[in-house]
N, C-alpha and C. Protein backbone atom coordinates (compact mmCIF):
# COMPACT_ATOMS: atom_id res chain seq x y z
N MET A 1 2.60 -30.94 -31.35
CA MET A 1 3.46 -30.18 -32.63
C MET A 1 3.21 -29.01 -32.31
N PRO A 2 4.39 -28.03 -32.15
CA PRO A 2 4.76 -27.08 -32.14
C PRO A 2 4.21 -26.55 -33.64
N ARG A 3 3.38 -24.58 -33.22
CA ARG A 3 2.98 -23.96 -34.16
C ARG A 3 3.73 -23.94 -35.71
N LYS A 4 3.83 -23.76 -36.74
CA LYS A 4 5.39 -23.50 -37.13
C LYS A 4 4.84 -21.68 -37.63
N PRO A 5 5.61 -21.23 -36.40
CA PRO A 5 5.54 -19.39 -36.90
C PRO A 5 5.30 -19.35 -38.67
N SER A 6 3.70 -18.03 -38.98
CA SER A 6 4.25 -18.06 -40.76
C SER A 6 4.41 -16.38 -40.76
N ASN A 7 5.12 -16.57 -41.63
CA ASN A 7 5.30 -15.05 -41.79
C ASN A 7 5.94 -15.21 -43.47
N ASP A 8 4.54 -14.92 -43.84
CA ASP A 8 4.16 -14.34 -44.89
C ASP A 8 4.55 -12.75 -45.66
N ASP A 9 5.07 -11.69 -44.33
CA ASP A 9 5.57 -10.33 -43.82
C ASP A 9 6.61 -10.27 -43.91
N PRO A 10 7.59 -10.20 -45.00
CA PRO A 10 9.10 -10.64 -44.62
C PRO A 10 9.32 -9.51 -42.98
N ASP A 11 8.95 -8.69 -43.48
CA ASP A 11 9.43 -6.94 -43.17
C ASP A 11 8.71 -6.73 -41.36
N LYS A 12 7.59 -7.49 -41.55
CA LYS A 12 7.76 -8.20 -40.05
C LYS A 12 7.62 -9.13 -39.21
N PRO A 13 8.34 -8.72 -38.53
CA PRO A 13 8.60 -10.29 -36.94
C PRO A 13 8.11 -10.99 -36.92
N THR A 14 8.94 -11.94 -36.26
CA THR A 14 8.60 -13.49 -36.08
C THR A 14 8.01 -13.27 -34.30
N LYS A 15 6.71 -13.80 -33.77
CA LYS A 15 6.40 -13.51 -32.67
C LYS A 15 6.80 -14.54 -32.12
N SER A 16 7.52 -14.44 -30.88
CA SER A 16 7.55 -15.81 -30.21
C SER A 16 7.19 -16.09 -29.01
N ARG A 17 6.72 -17.39 -29.31
CA ARG A 17 5.81 -18.42 -28.14
C ARG A 17 5.59 -19.17 -27.10
N VAL A 18 4.89 -18.96 -26.46
CA VAL A 18 5.64 -19.34 -25.07
C VAL A 18 4.66 -21.27 -25.15
N ARG A 19 5.09 -22.01 -25.46
CA ARG A 19 4.28 -23.52 -25.28
C ARG A 19 4.18 -23.60 -23.99
N PHE A 20 2.87 -23.99 -23.29
CA PHE A 20 2.65 -24.60 -22.04
C PHE A 20 1.93 -25.82 -21.98
N ILE A 21 2.26 -26.76 -21.46
CA ILE A 21 1.15 -27.81 -21.64
C ILE A 21 1.01 -28.42 -20.46
N PHE A 22 -0.33 -28.98 -20.22
CA PHE A 22 -0.89 -28.82 -19.07
C PHE A 22 -1.31 -30.27 -18.54
N GLU A 23 -1.26 -31.12 -17.81
CA GLU A 23 -2.35 -32.56 -18.40
C GLU A 23 -2.18 -33.43 -17.05
N PRO A 24 -3.48 -32.38 -16.59
CA PRO A 24 -3.82 -32.98 -15.07
C PRO A 24 -4.80 -34.44 -15.54
N ASP A 25 -4.46 -35.45 -13.86
CA ASP A 25 -5.26 -36.73 -14.05
C ASP A 25 -7.17 -36.12 -14.49
N ARG A 26 -7.56 -36.49 -15.06
CA ARG A 26 -9.06 -35.84 -15.75
C ARG A 26 -9.46 -36.01 -14.18
N SER A 27 -9.40 -37.26 -13.23
CA SER A 27 -10.38 -36.89 -11.94
C SER A 27 -10.24 -36.43 -10.71
N SER A 28 -8.85 -35.45 -10.52
CA SER A 28 -7.93 -34.89 -9.89
C SER A 28 -8.60 -33.22 -9.92
N PRO A 29 -8.61 -32.67 -9.00
CA PRO A 29 -9.48 -31.19 -8.82
C PRO A 29 -9.00 -30.39 -10.20
N ASN A 30 -7.54 -30.21 -10.43
CA ASN A 30 -7.48 -29.38 -11.56
C ASN A 30 -7.99 -30.88 -13.42
N GLY A 31 -8.18 -31.83 -13.46
CA GLY A 31 -8.65 -32.12 -14.30
C GLY A 31 -9.67 -31.88 -14.82
N VAL A 32 -10.61 -31.87 -13.59
CA VAL A 32 -11.92 -30.94 -13.33
C VAL A 32 -12.15 -29.95 -13.26
N THR A 33 -11.36 -29.36 -13.17
CA THR A 33 -11.89 -27.63 -13.43
C THR A 33 -11.52 -27.63 -14.47
N TYR A 34 -10.16 -27.70 -15.67
CA TYR A 34 -9.84 -27.35 -16.29
C TYR A 34 -10.71 -28.37 -17.67
N SER A 35 -10.87 -29.45 -17.24
CA SER A 35 -12.60 -30.02 -18.60
C SER A 35 -13.41 -29.70 -18.36
N TRP A 36 -14.08 -28.73 -17.52
CA TRP A 36 -15.22 -28.50 -17.27
C TRP A 36 -14.78 -26.74 -18.17
N LEU A 37 -13.34 -25.83 -17.54
CA LEU A 37 -13.61 -25.11 -18.48
C LEU A 37 -13.73 -25.02 -19.79
N ILE A 38 -12.63 -26.26 -20.53
CA ILE A 38 -12.20 -25.91 -21.89
C ILE A 38 -13.73 -26.85 -22.34
N HIS A 39 -14.25 -27.88 -21.69
CA HIS A 39 -15.21 -28.43 -22.56
C HIS A 39 -16.64 -28.14 -22.04
N ARG A 40 -17.32 -27.48 -21.33
CA ARG A 40 -18.56 -26.65 -20.90
C ARG A 40 -19.03 -25.99 -20.67
N THR A 41 -17.67 -24.72 -21.25
CA THR A 41 -18.19 -23.49 -20.88
C THR A 41 -17.90 -22.65 -22.40
N TYR A 42 -18.18 -21.67 -22.44
CA TYR A 42 -17.39 -20.57 -23.77
C TYR A 42 -16.69 -19.99 -23.82
N LYS A 43 -15.14 -20.29 -24.39
CA LYS A 43 -14.37 -19.95 -24.15
C LYS A 43 -13.64 -19.99 -23.07
N GLY A 44 -13.37 -21.49 -22.61
CA GLY A 44 -12.73 -21.94 -21.54
C GLY A 44 -11.49 -21.88 -21.52
N LYS A 45 -10.79 -22.30 -22.37
CA LYS A 45 -8.87 -20.95 -22.70
C LYS A 45 -9.03 -19.98 -21.97
N GLU A 46 -9.81 -19.06 -23.19
CA GLU A 46 -9.42 -17.37 -22.53
C GLU A 46 -9.82 -17.54 -21.07
N LYS A 47 -11.06 -17.88 -20.67
CA LYS A 47 -11.13 -18.13 -19.01
C LYS A 47 -9.76 -18.62 -18.21
N ALA A 48 -9.08 -19.60 -18.55
CA ALA A 48 -8.38 -19.65 -17.65
C ALA A 48 -6.94 -18.60 -17.52
N ALA A 49 -7.17 -18.63 -18.58
CA ALA A 49 -5.31 -17.94 -19.40
C ALA A 49 -6.24 -16.40 -18.02
N THR A 50 -7.27 -15.69 -18.03
CA THR A 50 -7.35 -14.19 -17.59
C THR A 50 -7.69 -14.30 -15.69
N ALA A 51 -8.02 -15.86 -15.83
CA ALA A 51 -7.54 -16.44 -14.38
C ALA A 51 -6.13 -15.94 -13.62
N ALA A 52 -5.38 -16.44 -14.66
CA ALA A 52 -4.08 -17.06 -14.01
C ALA A 52 -3.09 -15.20 -14.28
N ARG A 53 -3.88 -14.73 -15.42
CA ARG A 53 -2.89 -13.80 -15.31
C ARG A 53 -3.42 -12.30 -13.56
N ALA A 54 -4.48 -12.54 -13.78
CA ALA A 54 -5.10 -11.49 -12.57
C ALA A 54 -4.90 -12.13 -11.43
N PHE A 55 -4.62 -13.29 -11.33
CA PHE A 55 -2.99 -13.71 -10.06
C PHE A 55 -1.63 -13.38 -10.21
N TRP A 56 -1.42 -13.84 -11.31
CA TRP A 56 0.22 -13.32 -11.66
C TRP A 56 0.76 -12.46 -12.41
N LEU A 57 0.34 -11.96 -13.48
CA LEU A 57 0.64 -10.49 -14.29
C LEU A 57 1.41 -9.50 -13.31
N PRO A 58 0.69 -9.11 -12.25
CA PRO A 58 1.51 -8.14 -12.42
C PRO A 58 3.05 -8.58 -11.23
N PHE A 59 2.92 -9.37 -10.62
CA PHE A 59 4.60 -9.97 -10.94
C PHE A 59 5.07 -10.53 -11.53
N ALA A 60 4.87 -10.48 -12.59
CA ALA A 60 5.49 -11.19 -13.84
C ALA A 60 6.07 -9.85 -14.50
N TYR A 61 5.22 -8.83 -14.58
CA TYR A 61 5.33 -7.35 -15.43
C TYR A 61 6.48 -6.82 -13.74
N GLN A 62 6.20 -7.29 -12.83
CA GLN A 62 7.10 -6.54 -11.90
C GLN A 62 8.71 -6.78 -12.24
N ASP A 63 8.95 -8.53 -12.36
CA ASP A 63 10.16 -9.34 -12.19
C ASP A 63 10.64 -8.77 -14.18
N THR A 64 10.20 -8.42 -14.80
CA THR A 64 11.13 -8.37 -15.84
C THR A 64 12.04 -6.58 -16.07
N GLY A 65 11.73 -5.97 -14.59
CA GLY A 65 12.06 -4.67 -14.64
C GLY A 65 12.45 -3.71 -15.60
N LYS A 66 10.57 -4.09 -16.48
CA LYS A 66 10.59 -3.05 -17.48
C LYS A 66 9.44 -1.80 -17.21
N HIS A 67 8.94 -2.05 -16.29
CA HIS A 67 7.90 -1.49 -15.63
C HIS A 67 7.92 -0.46 -14.70
N SER A 68 6.86 1.06 -15.12
CA SER A 68 7.26 1.70 -13.48
C SER A 68 6.51 1.34 -12.86
N GLU A 69 6.63 1.71 -11.66
CA GLU A 69 5.11 1.80 -10.04
C GLU A 69 4.58 1.82 -10.40
N ALA A 70 4.37 3.30 -11.09
CA ALA A 70 2.39 3.29 -11.46
C ALA A 70 2.61 2.88 -12.50
N GLU A 71 2.70 1.08 -13.55
CA GLU A 71 2.16 1.50 -14.37
C GLU A 71 1.62 -0.29 -13.58
N LEU A 72 3.05 -0.78 -12.20
CA LEU A 72 2.16 -2.14 -12.25
C LEU A 72 1.61 -1.31 -10.69
N LYS A 73 1.43 -0.47 -10.30
CA LYS A 73 0.14 -0.16 -9.81
C LYS A 73 -1.37 -0.21 -10.12
N ASP A 74 -0.66 0.16 -11.00
CA ASP A 74 -2.38 0.19 -12.54
C ASP A 74 -3.01 -0.56 -12.48
N LEU A 75 -2.07 -2.10 -13.07
CA LEU A 75 -1.60 -3.28 -13.59
C LEU A 75 -2.68 -4.08 -12.40
N ALA A 76 -2.42 -4.52 -10.83
CA ALA A 76 -2.55 -4.59 -9.99
C ALA A 76 -3.72 -4.46 -9.25
N ARG A 77 -3.74 -2.64 -9.59
CA ARG A 77 -5.72 -2.53 -9.52
C ARG A 77 -6.56 -3.47 -10.20
N GLN A 78 -5.95 -3.24 -11.63
CA GLN A 78 -7.31 -3.73 -12.27
C GLN A 78 -6.63 -5.76 -12.37
N SER A 79 -6.29 -6.22 -11.81
CA SER A 79 -6.16 -7.73 -11.46
C SER A 79 -6.93 -7.75 -10.29
N ILE A 80 -6.50 -6.48 -8.86
CA ILE A 80 -7.61 -6.73 -7.51
C ILE A 80 -9.08 -6.61 -8.33
N ILE A 81 -9.51 -5.61 -9.17
CA ILE A 81 -10.97 -5.86 -10.06
C ILE A 81 -11.42 -6.82 -10.21
N ARG A 82 -9.80 -7.14 -11.07
CA ARG A 82 -10.17 -8.87 -12.21
C ARG A 82 -11.45 -9.98 -10.80
N MET A 83 -10.44 -10.20 -10.41
CA MET A 83 -10.76 -10.86 -8.43
C MET A 83 -11.94 -10.50 -8.05
N GLU A 84 -12.40 -9.69 -7.61
CA GLU A 84 -13.64 -8.75 -6.70
C GLU A 84 -14.43 -9.32 -7.73
N GLU A 85 -14.43 -9.58 -9.00
CA GLU A 85 -16.01 -9.72 -9.98
C GLU A 85 -16.23 -11.14 -9.66
N GLN A 86 -14.98 -12.01 -9.54
CA GLN A 86 -15.04 -13.15 -9.64
C GLN A 86 -15.46 -13.29 -8.37
N ILE A 87 -15.35 -13.07 -7.67
CA ILE A 87 -15.82 -13.24 -6.11
C ILE A 87 -17.48 -12.71 -5.71
N GLN A 88 -17.43 -11.67 -6.11
CA GLN A 88 -19.02 -11.27 -6.93
C GLN A 88 -19.59 -12.60 -7.01
N HIS A 89 -19.25 -12.54 -7.78
CA HIS A 89 -19.65 -14.10 -9.42
C HIS A 89 -20.40 -15.03 -7.98
N LEU A 90 -18.69 -15.77 -7.69
CA LEU A 90 -18.83 -16.56 -6.35
C LEU A 90 -19.82 -16.79 -5.34
N ARG A 91 -20.51 -15.05 -4.90
CA ARG A 91 -21.22 -15.09 -4.26
C ARG A 91 -22.96 -15.15 -4.69
N GLU A 92 -22.78 -14.81 -5.36
CA GLU A 92 -24.25 -14.82 -6.43
C GLU A 92 -24.11 -16.36 -6.35
N THR A 93 -23.27 -16.36 -7.03
CA THR A 93 -23.98 -18.76 -7.66
C THR A 93 -23.98 -19.14 -6.71
N PHE A 94 -23.81 -18.57 -5.58
CA PHE A 94 -23.70 -20.19 -4.26
C PHE A 94 -24.09 -19.65 -3.04
N GLY A 95 -25.15 -18.52 -3.08
CA GLY A 95 -25.60 -17.69 -2.07
C GLY A 95 -24.92 -17.64 -0.98
N ILE A 96 -23.46 -17.15 -1.09
CA ILE A 96 -22.66 -16.53 -0.18
C ILE A 96 -22.64 -15.57 0.77
N GLU A 97 -23.22 -14.80 1.35
CA GLU A 97 -23.50 -13.63 1.85
C GLU A 97 -21.66 -12.75 2.12
N PRO A 98 -21.49 -11.39 1.51
CA PRO A 98 -20.73 -11.40 2.02
C PRO A 98 -20.44 -10.60 3.53
N PRO A 99 -19.32 -10.59 4.19
CA PRO A 99 -18.95 -10.07 5.75
C PRO A 99 -19.32 -8.63 5.48
N PRO A 100 -19.63 -8.72 6.91
CA PRO A 100 -20.79 -7.28 7.24
C PRO A 100 -19.84 -6.15 6.83
N SER A 101 -18.41 -6.05 7.29
CA SER A 101 -18.15 -4.74 7.03
C SER A 101 -16.64 -4.94 6.56
N GLU A 102 -15.64 -4.25 6.24
CA GLU A 102 -14.24 -4.75 6.18
C GLU A 102 -13.68 -5.20 7.81
N SER A 103 -14.62 -4.43 8.61
CA SER A 103 -13.32 -4.41 9.42
C SER A 103 -13.68 -5.78 10.46
N ASP A 104 -14.41 -6.23 10.35
CA ASP A 104 -15.44 -7.24 10.52
C ASP A 104 -14.32 -8.59 10.30
N GLN A 105 -13.80 -8.30 9.23
CA GLN A 105 -13.07 -9.57 8.42
C GLN A 105 -11.67 -9.92 9.28
N PRO A 106 -11.07 -10.83 9.46
CA PRO A 106 -10.27 -11.99 10.26
C PRO A 106 -9.21 -11.45 9.73
N GLU A 107 -7.87 -10.90 10.33
CA GLU A 107 -6.57 -10.82 9.88
C GLU A 107 -5.87 -12.37 9.28
N PHE A 108 -5.48 -11.97 7.70
CA PHE A 108 -4.51 -13.17 6.88
C PHE A 108 -3.27 -12.90 7.66
N PRO A 109 -2.70 -13.42 7.76
CA PRO A 109 -1.54 -13.23 7.69
C PRO A 109 -0.61 -13.51 6.27
N ALA A 110 0.46 -12.48 5.92
CA ALA A 110 1.24 -12.76 4.51
C ALA A 110 1.63 -13.56 4.42
N ILE A 111 1.50 -14.49 3.40
CA ILE A 111 2.29 -15.90 3.20
C ILE A 111 2.59 -15.78 1.64
N SER A 112 3.95 -16.45 1.40
CA SER A 112 4.25 -16.37 0.24
C SER A 112 4.09 -16.56 -0.38
N PRO A 113 4.32 -16.91 -1.79
CA PRO A 113 3.61 -17.62 -3.04
C PRO A 113 3.25 -19.23 -3.09
N MET A 114 4.37 -19.63 -2.31
CA MET A 114 5.01 -20.68 -2.50
C MET A 114 4.64 -21.62 -1.00
N ALA A 115 3.94 -21.28 -0.40
CA ALA A 115 3.57 -21.38 1.24
C ALA A 115 2.41 -22.37 0.76
N VAL A 116 1.95 -23.65 1.62
CA VAL A 116 1.12 -23.79 1.80
C VAL A 116 0.40 -23.84 3.14
N PRO A 117 -1.08 -23.12 2.93
CA PRO A 117 -2.36 -22.75 4.15
C PRO A 117 -1.68 -23.67 5.09
N THR A 118 -1.91 -23.23 6.88
CA THR A 118 -2.08 -24.51 7.04
C THR A 118 -3.18 -24.69 7.10
N GLY A 119 -4.85 -23.58 7.66
CA GLY A 119 -5.56 -23.92 8.07
C GLY A 119 -6.78 -25.26 7.49
N GLU A 120 -7.46 -25.51 8.20
CA GLU A 120 -8.83 -26.59 7.74
C GLU A 120 -9.18 -26.37 6.87
N ILE A 121 -9.27 -27.33 5.82
CA ILE A 121 -10.43 -27.30 4.56
C ILE A 121 -11.49 -27.98 4.50
N SER A 122 -12.11 -27.59 5.25
CA SER A 122 -13.71 -28.18 5.43
C SER A 122 -14.36 -29.38 4.30
N LEU A 123 -14.16 -28.99 2.61
CA LEU A 123 -14.04 -30.69 1.97
C LEU A 123 -13.56 -31.17 1.82
N LEU A 124 -11.97 -31.32 1.86
CA LEU A 124 -10.96 -32.03 1.86
C LEU A 124 -10.47 -32.32 2.82
N ALA A 125 -10.42 -33.03 3.96
CA ALA A 125 -9.48 -32.05 6.12
C ALA A 125 -7.85 -31.81 5.42
N GLN A 126 -7.97 -33.46 4.77
CA GLN A 126 -6.43 -33.65 4.12
C GLN A 126 -5.42 -33.18 2.79
N ASP A 127 -6.97 -32.52 2.03
CA ASP A 127 -6.21 -31.85 0.26
C ASP A 127 -6.93 -30.73 0.58
N ASP A 128 -5.65 -29.93 -0.27
CA ASP A 128 -6.02 -28.27 -0.49
C ASP A 128 -5.84 -28.12 -2.20
N LEU A 129 -7.61 -28.46 -2.26
CA LEU A 129 -8.24 -28.46 -3.40
C LEU A 129 -7.80 -27.30 -4.42
N LEU A 130 -7.46 -26.15 -3.82
CA LEU A 130 -6.77 -25.34 -4.75
C LEU A 130 -5.10 -25.38 -4.49
N ASN A 131 -4.24 -25.95 -4.34
CA ASN A 131 -3.40 -25.85 -4.41
C ASN A 131 -2.77 -27.27 -4.86
N ASP A 132 -3.19 -28.00 -4.75
CA ASP A 132 -2.93 -29.82 -5.17
C ASP A 132 -2.38 -29.70 -6.82
N PHE A 133 -0.94 -29.83 -6.92
CA PHE A 133 -0.86 -30.62 -8.35
C PHE A 133 -0.39 -31.36 -8.46
N SER A 134 -0.28 -32.43 -7.65
CA SER A 134 0.51 -33.77 -7.72
C SER A 134 0.25 -34.61 -8.90
N ASP A 135 -1.28 -34.10 -9.52
CA ASP A 135 -1.35 -35.31 -10.64
C ASP A 135 -1.12 -34.08 -11.87
N VAL A 136 -0.24 -33.11 -12.18
CA VAL A 136 -0.14 -32.99 -13.74
C VAL A 136 1.09 -33.42 -13.44
N LEU A 137 1.56 -33.60 -15.16
CA LEU A 137 2.99 -34.37 -15.29
C LEU A 137 3.98 -33.23 -15.34
């Protein structure tokens, strides 16, 4: 049930809210991820929202047409920093060494946000766990 806006101060405008319902099957990659975030970590909902913003906020702001190129670049830089921090956390947690140098990294072709990667996935060869949303209502 949506929250009713509380407007104790008639001079203060009521905020418009976005309602987001996400109900993946608990045993799916999405369900395992969100169950862990919400029930087994501190501030899991904030972590999920932060991750989504790091990936998509610069594009969403660009789409509004209300921000300058400089603002969008700054926001994109902030997103890159956040994602690089998560990459470092993954490396430290799972003992993964960084590539020897940036010039030794393979070139990745540009893909659209809706494209499905065609590379082989080592965890489950048939399923792309990061792009699977078939379990979502």
